[in-house]
Amino acid sequence: MFDLAFGLLYTLLVIRLLLVFFAARPETPFFRLIHDATEPFYRPFEGLFGTTTWNGWHLEWPLLVALGVYVLLHGAIRGVLSVLAR
């Protein structure tokens, strides 16, 4: 269940990253759904770095940082749980 929750978070953050990358329209219901679902997890990283734009494509660096931090957090929690299970 624990891994499933982190897997869902990773999936939603990657979808948000792709929507921003391909400049999806923010007013669409799907974009709003993904944005609203990931906002509490993205907010601590918002504004940490700028967004890189080239040829109409946008790379939002804080989203990549958020993904990396949550991967590290997931691994740390799994490590602690495995030690406690011994």
PDB file of N, CA and C in Angstrom:
ATOM      1  N   MET A   1       0.824  -1.197   0.000  1.00  0.00           N
ATOM      2  CA  MET A   1       0.000   0.000   0.000  1.00  0.00           C
ATOM      3  C   MET A   1       0.870   1.264   0.000  1.00  0.00           C
ATOM      4  N   PHE A   2       1.938   1.214   0.788  1.00  0.00           N
ATOM      5  CA  PHE A   2       2.874   2.327   0.894  1.00  0.00           C
ATOM      6  C   PHE A   2       3.529   2.614  -0.462  1.00  0.00           C
ATOM      7  N   ASP A   3       4.006   1.569  -1.126  1.00  0.00           N
ATOM      8  CA  ASP A   3       4.631   1.738  -2.444  1.00  0.00           C
ATOM      9  C   ASP A   3       3.621   2.199  -3.487  1.00  0.00           C
ATOM     10  N   LEU A   4       2.393   1.757  -3.356  1.00  0.00           N
ATOM     11  CA  LEU A   4       1.338   2.163  -4.276  1.00  0.00           C
ATOM     12  C   LEU A   4       1.083   3.660  -4.170  1.00  0.00           C
ATOM     13  N   ALA A   5       1.065   4.188  -2.954  1.00  0.00           N
ATOM     14  CA  ALA A   5       0.841   5.625  -2.760  1.00  0.00           C
ATOM     15  C   ALA A   5       1.962   6.451  -3.399  1.00  0.00           C
ATOM     16  N   PHE A   6       3.204   6.036  -3.186  1.00  0.00           N
ATOM     17  CA  PHE A   6       4.313   6.758  -3.810  1.00  0.00           C
ATOM     18  C   PHE A   6       4.279   6.592  -5.331  1.00  0.00           C
ATOM     19  N   GLY A   7       3.920   5.423  -5.820  1.00  0.00           N
ATOM     20  CA  GLY A   7       3.799   5.206  -7.260  1.00  0.00           C
ATOM     21  C   GLY A   7       2.760   6.118  -7.881  1.00  0.00           C
ATOM     22  N   LEU A   8       1.646   6.292  -7.192  1.00  0.00           N
ATOM     23  CA  LEU A   8       0.596   7.193  -7.672  1.00  0.00           C
ATOM     24  C   LEU A   8       1.104   8.635  -7.683  1.00  0.00           C
ATOM     25  N   LEU A   9       1.817   9.023  -6.638  1.00  0.00           N
ATOM     26  CA  LEU A   9       2.370  10.376  -6.583  1.00  0.00           C
ATOM     27  C   LEU A   9       3.353  10.603  -7.730  1.00  0.00           C
ATOM     28  N   TYR A  10       4.241   9.642  -7.966  1.00  0.00           N
ATOM     29  CA  TYR A  10       5.200   9.767  -9.076  1.00  0.00           C
ATOM     30  C   TYR A  10       4.460   9.923 -10.408  1.00  0.00           C
ATOM     31  N   THR A  11       3.453   9.115 -10.602  1.00  0.00           N
ATOM     32  CA  THR A  11       2.697   9.149 -11.858  1.00  0.00           C
ATOM     33  C   THR A  11       2.038  10.501 -12.069  1.00  0.00           C
ATOM     34  N   LEU A  12       1.397  11.017 -11.028  1.00  0.00           N
ATOM     35  CA  LEU A  12       0.724  12.311 -11.147  1.00  0.00           C
ATOM     36  C   LEU A  12       1.719  13.446 -11.393  1.00  0.00           C
ATOM     37  N   LEU A  13       2.863  13.402 -10.714  1.00  0.00           N
ATOM     38  CA  LEU A  13       3.875  14.446 -10.929  1.00  0.00           C
ATOM     39  C   LEU A  13       4.473  14.377 -12.334  1.00  0.00           C
ATOM     40  N   VAL A  14       4.680  13.186 -12.855  1.00  0.00           N
ATOM     41  CA  VAL A  14       5.202  13.049 -14.224  1.00  0.00           C
ATOM     42  C   VAL A  14       4.166  13.534 -15.233  1.00  0.00           C
ATOM     43  N   ILE A  15       2.897  13.231 -15.009  1.00  0.00           N
ATOM     44  CA  ILE A  15       1.847  13.732 -15.904  1.00  0.00           C
ATOM     45  C   ILE A  15       1.838  15.256 -15.889  1.00  0.00           C
ATOM     46  N   ARG A  16       1.950  15.834 -14.683  1.00  0.00           N
ATOM     47  CA  ARG A  16       1.985  17.303 -14.589  1.00  0.00           C
ATOM     48  C   ARG A  16       3.207  17.849 -15.326  1.00  0.00           C
ATOM     49  N   LEU A  17       4.347  17.213 -15.159  1.00  0.00           N
ATOM     50  CA  LEU A  17       5.563  17.633 -15.839  1.00  0.00           C
ATOM     51  C   LEU A  17       5.367  17.619 -17.355  1.00  0.00           C
ATOM     52  N   LEU A  18       4.754  16.563 -17.869  1.00  0.00           N
ATOM     53  CA  LEU A  18       4.521  16.456 -19.310  1.00  0.00           C
ATOM     54  C   LEU A  18       3.504  17.484 -19.801  1.00  0.00           C
ATOM     55  N   LEU A  19       2.467  17.732 -19.007  1.00  0.00           N
ATOM     56  CA  LEU A  19       1.482  18.732 -19.407  1.00  0.00           C
ATOM     57  C   LEU A  19       2.118  20.114 -19.498  1.00  0.00           C
ATOM     58  N   VAL A  20       2.968  20.440 -18.540  1.00  0.00           N
ATOM     59  CA  VAL A  20       3.663  21.734 -18.576  1.00  0.00           C
ATOM     60  C   VAL A  20       4.662  21.754 -19.729  1.00  0.00           C
ATOM     61  N   PHE A  21       5.385  20.663 -19.918  1.00  0.00           N
ATOM     62  CA  PHE A  21       6.396  20.589 -20.966  1.00  0.00           C
ATOM     63  C   PHE A  21       5.793  20.846 -22.342  1.00  0.00           C
ATOM     64  N   PHE A  22       4.647  20.234 -22.587  1.00  0.00           N
ATOM     65  CA  PHE A  22       3.994  20.385 -23.891  1.00  0.00           C
ATOM     66  C   PHE A  22       3.039  21.563 -23.946  1.00  0.00           C
ATOM     67  N   ALA A  23       3.069  22.422 -22.915  1.00  0.00           N
ATOM     68  CA  ALA A  23       2.267  23.655 -22.860  1.00  0.00           C
ATOM     69  C   ALA A  23       0.774  23.378 -23.001  1.00  0.00           C
ATOM     70  N   ALA A  24       0.286  22.432 -22.228  1.00  0.00           N
ATOM     71  CA  ALA A  24      -1.153  22.148 -22.232  1.00  0.00           C
ATOM     72  C   ALA A  24      -1.908  23.367 -21.708  1.00  0.00           C
ATOM     73  N   ARG A  25      -3.137  23.490 -22.105  1.00  0.00           N
ATOM     74  CA  ARG A  25      -3.954  24.634 -21.689  1.00  0.00           C
ATOM     75  C   ARG A  25      -4.395  24.464 -20.239  1.00  0.00           C
ATOM     76  N   PRO A  26      -4.033  25.408 -19.375  1.00  0.00           N
ATOM     77  CA  PRO A  26      -4.365  25.293 -17.947  1.00  0.00           C
ATOM     78  C   PRO A  26      -5.854  25.336 -17.637  1.00  0.00           C
ATOM     79  N   GLU A  27      -6.672  25.827 -18.546  1.00  0.00           N
ATOM     80  CA  GLU A  27      -8.104  25.930 -18.270  1.00  0.00           C
ATOM     81  C   GLU A  27      -8.872  24.627 -18.531  1.00  0.00           C
ATOM     82  N   THR A  28      -8.209  23.617 -19.077  1.00  0.00           N
ATOM     83  CA  THR A  28      -8.910  22.359 -19.348  1.00  0.00           C
ATOM     84  C   THR A  28      -9.134  21.579 -18.050  1.00  0.00           C
ATOM     85  N   PRO A  29     -10.228  20.828 -17.976  1.00  0.00           N
ATOM     86  CA  PRO A  29     -10.537  20.082 -16.745  1.00  0.00           C
ATOM     87  C   PRO A  29      -9.460  19.067 -16.346  1.00  0.00           C
ATOM     88  N   PHE A  30      -8.869  18.389 -17.318  1.00  0.00           N
ATOM     89  CA  PHE A  30      -7.839  17.401 -16.986  1.00  0.00           C
ATOM     90  C   PHE A  30      -6.611  18.070 -16.384  1.00  0.00           C
ATOM     91  N   PHE A  31      -6.197  19.181 -16.978  1.00  0.00           N
ATOM     92  CA  PHE A  31      -5.056  19.917 -16.438  1.00  0.00           C
ATOM     93  C   PHE A  31      -5.350  20.372 -15.016  1.00  0.00           C
ATOM     94  N   ARG A  32      -6.534  20.915 -14.780  1.00  0.00           N
ATOM     95  CA  ARG A  32      -6.920  21.389 -13.439  1.00  0.00           C
ATOM     96  C   ARG A  32      -6.921  20.231 -12.445  1.00  0.00           C
ATOM     97  N   LEU A  33      -7.423  19.070 -12.852  1.00  0.00           N
ATOM     98  CA  LEU A  33      -7.458  17.900 -11.979  1.00  0.00           C
ATOM     99  C   LEU A  33      -6.049  17.498 -11.550  1.00  0.00           C
ATOM    100  N   ILE A  34      -5.147  17.379 -12.510  1.00  0.00           N
ATOM    101  CA  ILE A  34      -3.769  16.989 -12.206  1.00  0.00           C
ATOM    102  C   ILE A  34      -3.081  18.073 -11.383  1.00  0.00           C
ATOM    103  N   HIS A  35      -3.277  19.309 -11.763  1.00  0.00           N
ATOM    104  CA  HIS A  35      -2.665  20.424 -11.032  1.00  0.00           C
ATOM    105  C   HIS A  35      -3.139  20.452  -9.578  1.00  0.00           C
ATOM    106  N   ASP A  36      -4.433  20.354  -9.369  1.00  0.00           N
ATOM    107  CA  ASP A  36      -4.978  20.413  -8.006  1.00  0.00           C
ATOM    108  C   ASP A  36      -4.557  19.210  -7.163  1.00  0.00           C
ATOM    109  N   ALA A  37      -4.451  18.046  -7.790  1.00  0.00           N
ATOM    110  CA  ALA A  37      -4.067  16.835  -7.059  1.00  0.00           C
ATOM    111  C   ALA A  37      -2.592  16.872  -6.642  1.00  0.00           C
ATOM    112  N   THR A  38      -1.752  17.509  -7.440  1.00  0.00           N
ATOM    113  CA  THR A  38      -0.315  17.519  -7.141  1.00  0.00           C
ATOM    114  C   THR A  38       0.148  18.782  -6.430  1.00  0.00           C
ATOM    115  N   GLU A  39      -0.689  19.778  -6.355  1.00  0.00           N
ATOM    116  CA  GLU A  39      -0.273  21.068  -5.784  1.00  0.00           C
ATOM    117  C   GLU A  39       0.275  20.964  -4.363  1.00  0.00           C
ATOM    118  N   PRO A  40      -0.337  20.207  -3.450  1.00  0.00           N
ATOM    119  CA  PRO A  40       0.239  20.128  -2.091  1.00  0.00           C
ATOM    120  C   PRO A  40       1.642  19.512  -2.069  1.00  0.00           C
ATOM    121  N   PHE A  41       1.937  18.652  -3.009  1.00  0.00           N
ATOM    122  CA  PHE A  41       3.248  17.998  -3.063  1.00  0.00           C
ATOM    123  C   PHE A  41       4.270  18.846  -3.820  1.00  0.00           C
ATOM    124  N   TYR A  42       3.787  19.704  -4.699  1.00  0.00           N
ATOM    125  CA  TYR A  42       4.658  20.569  -5.488  1.00  0.00           C
ATOM    126  C   TYR A  42       4.986  21.876  -4.763  1.00  0.00           C
ATOM    127  N   ARG A  43       4.061  22.367  -3.967  1.00  0.00           N
ATOM    128  CA  ARG A  43       4.183  23.683  -3.345  1.00  0.00           C
ATOM    129  C   ARG A  43       5.509  23.916  -2.598  1.00  0.00           C
ATOM    130  N   PRO A  44       6.057  22.948  -1.837  1.00  0.00           N
ATOM    131  CA  PRO A  44       7.329  23.221  -1.151  1.00  0.00           C
ATOM    132  C   PRO A  44       8.497  23.508  -2.101  1.00  0.00           C
ATOM    133  N   PHE A  45       8.371  23.120  -3.353  1.00  0.00           N
ATOM    134  CA  PHE A  45       9.459  23.282  -4.317  1.00  0.00           C
ATOM    135  C   PHE A  45       9.200  24.418  -5.308  1.00  0.00           C
ATOM    136  N   GLU A  46       8.026  24.984  -5.266  1.00  0.00           N
ATOM    137  CA  GLU A  46       7.630  26.033  -6.195  1.00  0.00           C
ATOM    138  C   GLU A  46       8.552  27.248  -6.062  1.00  0.00           C
ATOM    139  N   GLY A  47       9.052  27.725  -7.168  1.00  0.00           N
ATOM    140  CA  GLY A  47       9.910  28.889  -7.173  1.00  0.00           C
ATOM    141  C   GLY A  47      11.357  28.609  -6.815  1.00  0.00           C
ATOM    142  N   LEU A  48      11.684  27.362  -6.533  1.00  0.00           N
ATOM    143  CA  LEU A  48      13.054  27.002  -6.177  1.00  0.00           C
ATOM    144  C   LEU A  48      14.016  27.313  -7.317  1.00  0.00           C
ATOM    145  N   PHE A  49      13.614  26.974  -8.517  1.00  0.00           N
ATOM    146  CA  PHE A  49      14.370  27.269  -9.731  1.00  0.00           C
ATOM    147  C   PHE A  49      13.398  27.822 -10.762  1.00  0.00           C
ATOM    148  N   GLY A  50      13.924  28.406 -11.799  1.00  0.00           N
ATOM    149  CA  GLY A  50      13.084  28.924 -12.867  1.00  0.00           C
ATOM    150  C   GLY A  50      12.656  27.822 -13.824  1.00  0.00           C
ATOM    151  N   THR A  51      11.887  28.218 -14.799  1.00  0.00           N
ATOM    152  CA  THR A  51      11.441  27.307 -15.851  1.00  0.00           C
ATOM    153  C   THR A  51      12.252  27.614 -17.106  1.00  0.00           C
ATOM    154  N   THR A  52      12.778  26.582 -17.728  1.00  0.00           N
ATOM    155  CA  THR A  52      13.533  26.743 -18.969  1.00  0.00           C
ATOM    156  C   THR A  52      12.565  26.607 -20.138  1.00  0.00           C
ATOM    157  N   THR A  53      12.625  27.555 -21.057  1.00  0.00           N
ATOM    158  CA  THR A  53      11.738  27.536 -22.220  1.00  0.00           C
ATOM    159  C   THR A  53      12.578  27.609 -23.487  1.00  0.00           C
ATOM    160  N   TRP A  54      12.263  26.748 -24.431  1.00  0.00           N
ATOM    161  CA  TRP A  54      12.900  26.795 -25.736  1.00  0.00           C
ATOM    162  C   TRP A  54      11.942  26.227 -26.769  1.00  0.00           C
ATOM    163  N   ASN A  55      11.788  26.951 -27.855  1.00  0.00           N
ATOM    164  CA  ASN A  55      10.906  26.563 -28.968  1.00  0.00           C
ATOM    165  C   ASN A  55       9.499  26.200 -28.512  1.00  0.00           C
ATOM    166  N   GLY A  56       8.976  26.893 -27.519  1.00  0.00           N
ATOM    167  CA  GLY A  56       7.625  26.633 -27.050  1.00  0.00           C
ATOM    168  C   GLY A  56       7.498  25.486 -26.061  1.00  0.00           C
ATOM    169  N   TRP A  57       8.589  24.863 -25.693  1.00  0.00           N
ATOM    170  CA  TRP A  57       8.592  23.758 -24.730  1.00  0.00           C
ATOM    171  C   TRP A  57       9.053  24.312 -23.383  1.00  0.00           C
ATOM    172  N   HIS A  58       8.479  23.825 -22.313  1.00  0.00           N
ATOM    173  CA  HIS A  58       8.788  24.352 -20.980  1.00  0.00           C
ATOM    174  C   HIS A  58       9.246  23.213 -20.071  1.00  0.00           C
ATOM    175  N   LEU A  59      10.391  23.416 -19.444  1.00  0.00           N
ATOM    176  CA  LEU A  59      10.873  22.444 -18.469  1.00  0.00           C
ATOM    177  C   LEU A  59      10.831  23.104 -17.100  1.00  0.00           C
ATOM    178  N   GLU A  60       9.962  22.624 -16.264  1.00  0.00           N
ATOM    179  CA  GLU A  60       9.772  23.185 -14.932  1.00  0.00           C
ATOM    180  C   GLU A  60      10.677  22.433 -13.953  1.00  0.00           C
ATOM    181  N   TRP A  61      11.825  23.015 -13.658  1.00  0.00           N
ATOM    182  CA  TRP A  61      12.838  22.380 -12.820  1.00  0.00           C
ATOM    183  C   TRP A  61      12.335  22.020 -11.425  1.00  0.00           C
ATOM    184  N   PRO A  62      11.515  22.839 -10.782  1.00  0.00           N
ATOM    185  CA  PRO A  62      11.031  22.446  -9.452  1.00  0.00           C
ATOM    186  C   PRO A  62      10.265  21.115  -9.455  1.00  0.00           C
ATOM    187  N   LEU A  63       9.588  20.798 -10.557  1.00  0.00           N
ATOM    188  CA  LEU A  63       8.900  19.506 -10.640  1.00  0.00           C
ATOM    189  C   LEU A  63       9.890  18.352 -10.661  1.00  0.00           C
ATOM    190  N   LEU A  64      10.992  18.536 -11.360  1.00  0.00           N
ATOM    191  CA  LEU A  64      12.025  17.494 -11.379  1.00  0.00           C
ATOM    192  C   LEU A  64      12.670  17.342 -10.009  1.00  0.00           C
ATOM    193  N   VAL A  65      12.904  18.450  -9.334  1.00  0.00           N
ATOM    194  CA  VAL A  65      13.467  18.401  -7.984  1.00  0.00           C
ATOM    195  C   VAL A  65      12.491  17.691  -7.048  1.00  0.00           C
ATOM    196  N   ALA A  66      11.211  18.025  -7.150  1.00  0.00           N
ATOM    197  CA  ALA A  66      10.192  17.382  -6.307  1.00  0.00           C
ATOM    198  C   ALA A  66      10.189  15.870  -6.521  1.00  0.00           C
ATOM    199  N   LEU A  67      10.234  15.451  -7.768  1.00  0.00           N
ATOM    200  CA  LEU A  67      10.278  14.018  -8.062  1.00  0.00           C
ATOM    201  C   LEU A  67      11.499  13.362  -7.420  1.00  0.00           C
ATOM    202  N   GLY A  68      12.655  13.995  -7.569  1.00  0.00           N
ATOM    203  CA  GLY A  68      13.874  13.447  -6.978  1.00  0.00           C
ATOM    204  C   GLY A  68      13.804  13.358  -5.463  1.00  0.00           C
ATOM    205  N   VAL A  69      13.283  14.385  -4.827  1.00  0.00           N
ATOM    206  CA  VAL A  69      13.170  14.383  -3.362  1.00  0.00           C
ATOM    207  C   VAL A  69      12.209  13.299  -2.899  1.00  0.00           C
ATOM    208  N   TYR A  70      11.087  13.132  -3.595  1.00  0.00           N
ATOM    209  CA  TYR A  70      10.129  12.101  -3.183  1.00  0.00           C
ATOM    210  C   TYR A  70      10.673  10.697  -3.421  1.00  0.00           C
ATOM    211  N   VAL A  71      11.487  10.517  -4.446  1.00  0.00           N
ATOM    212  CA  VAL A  71      12.142   9.219  -4.658  1.00  0.00           C
ATOM    213  C   VAL A  71      13.096   8.924  -3.500  1.00  0.00           C
ATOM    214  N   LEU A  72      13.884   9.935  -3.110  1.00  0.00           N
ATOM    215  CA  LEU A  72      14.801   9.758  -1.977  1.00  0.00           C
ATOM    216  C   LEU A  72      14.047   9.499  -0.672  1.00  0.00           C
ATOM    217  N   LEU A  73      12.964  10.233  -0.454  1.00  0.00           N
ATOM    218  CA  LEU A  73      12.146  10.029   0.749  1.00  0.00           C
ATOM    219  C   LEU A  73      11.545   8.629   0.772  1.00  0.00           C
ATOM    220  N   HIS A  74      11.053   8.184  -0.357  1.00  0.00           N
ATOM    221  CA  HIS A  74      10.489   6.844  -0.474  1.00  0.00           C
ATOM    222  C   HIS A  74      11.540   5.787  -0.128  1.00  0.00           C
ATOM    223  N   GLY A  75      12.728   5.949  -0.698  1.00  0.00           N
ATOM    224  CA  GLY A  75      13.810   5.003  -0.414  1.00  0.00           C
ATOM    225  C   GLY A  75      14.218   5.015   1.047  1.00  0.00           C
ATOM    226  N   ALA A  76      14.275   6.195   1.654  1.00  0.00           N
ATOM    227  CA  ALA A  76      14.647   6.298   3.064  1.00  0.00           C
ATOM    228  C   ALA A  76      13.610   5.632   3.965  1.00  0.00           C
ATOM    229  N   ILE A  77      12.353   5.863   3.677  1.00  0.00           N
ATOM    230  CA  ILE A  77      11.293   5.247   4.484  1.00  0.00           C
ATOM    231  C   ILE A  77      11.312   3.729   4.333  1.00  0.00           C
ATOM    232  N   ARG A  78      11.507   3.251   3.103  1.00  0.00           N
ATOM    233  CA  ARG A  78      11.604   1.799   2.892  1.00  0.00           C
ATOM    234  C   ARG A  78      12.789   1.209   3.640  1.00  0.00           C
ATOM    235  N   GLY A  79      13.904   1.926   3.652  1.00  0.00           N
ATOM    236  CA  GLY A  79      15.083   1.461   4.372  1.00  0.00           C
ATOM    237  C   GLY A  79      14.827   1.362   5.868  1.00  0.00           C
ATOM    238  N   VAL A  80      14.202   2.388   6.442  1.00  0.00           N
ATOM    239  CA  VAL A  80      13.887   2.377   7.867  1.00  0.00           C
ATOM    240  C   VAL A  80      12.921   1.246   8.195  1.00  0.00           C
ATOM    241  N   LEU A  81      11.920   1.075   7.345  1.00  0.00           N
ATOM    242  CA  LEU A  81      10.950  -0.006   7.593  1.00  0.00           C
ATOM    243  C   LEU A  81      11.593  -1.377   7.505  1.00  0.00           C
ATOM    244  N   SER A  82      12.544  -1.555   6.597  1.00  0.00           N
ATOM    245  CA  SER A  82      13.193  -2.859   6.478  1.00  0.00           C
ATOM    246  C   SER A  82      14.086  -3.133   7.703  1.00  0.00           C
ATOM    247  N   VAL A  83      14.718  -2.100   8.234  1.00  0.00           N
ATOM    248  CA  VAL A  83      15.525  -2.262   9.446  1.00  0.00           C
ATOM    249  C   VAL A  83      14.633  -2.597  10.639  1.00  0.00           C
ATOM    250  N   LEU A  84      13.510  -1.921  10.731  1.00  0.00           N
ATOM    251  CA  LEU A  84      12.586  -2.166  11.841  1.00  0.00           C
ATOM    252  C   LEU A  84      11.929  -3.558  11.754  1.00  0.00           C
ATOM    253  N   ALA A  85      11.812  -4.092  10.541  1.00  0.00           N
ATOM    254  CA  ALA A  85      11.174  -5.401  10.363  1.00  0.00           C
ATOM    255  C   ALA A  85      12.078  -6.551  10.763  1.00  0.00           C
ATOM    256  N   ARG A  86      13.369  -6.305  10.946  1.00  0.00           N
ATOM    257  CA  ARG A  86      14.317  -7.378  11.289  1.00  0.00           C
ATOM    258  C   ARG A  86      14.190  -7.792  12.699  1.00  0.00           C
TER     259      ARG A  86
END
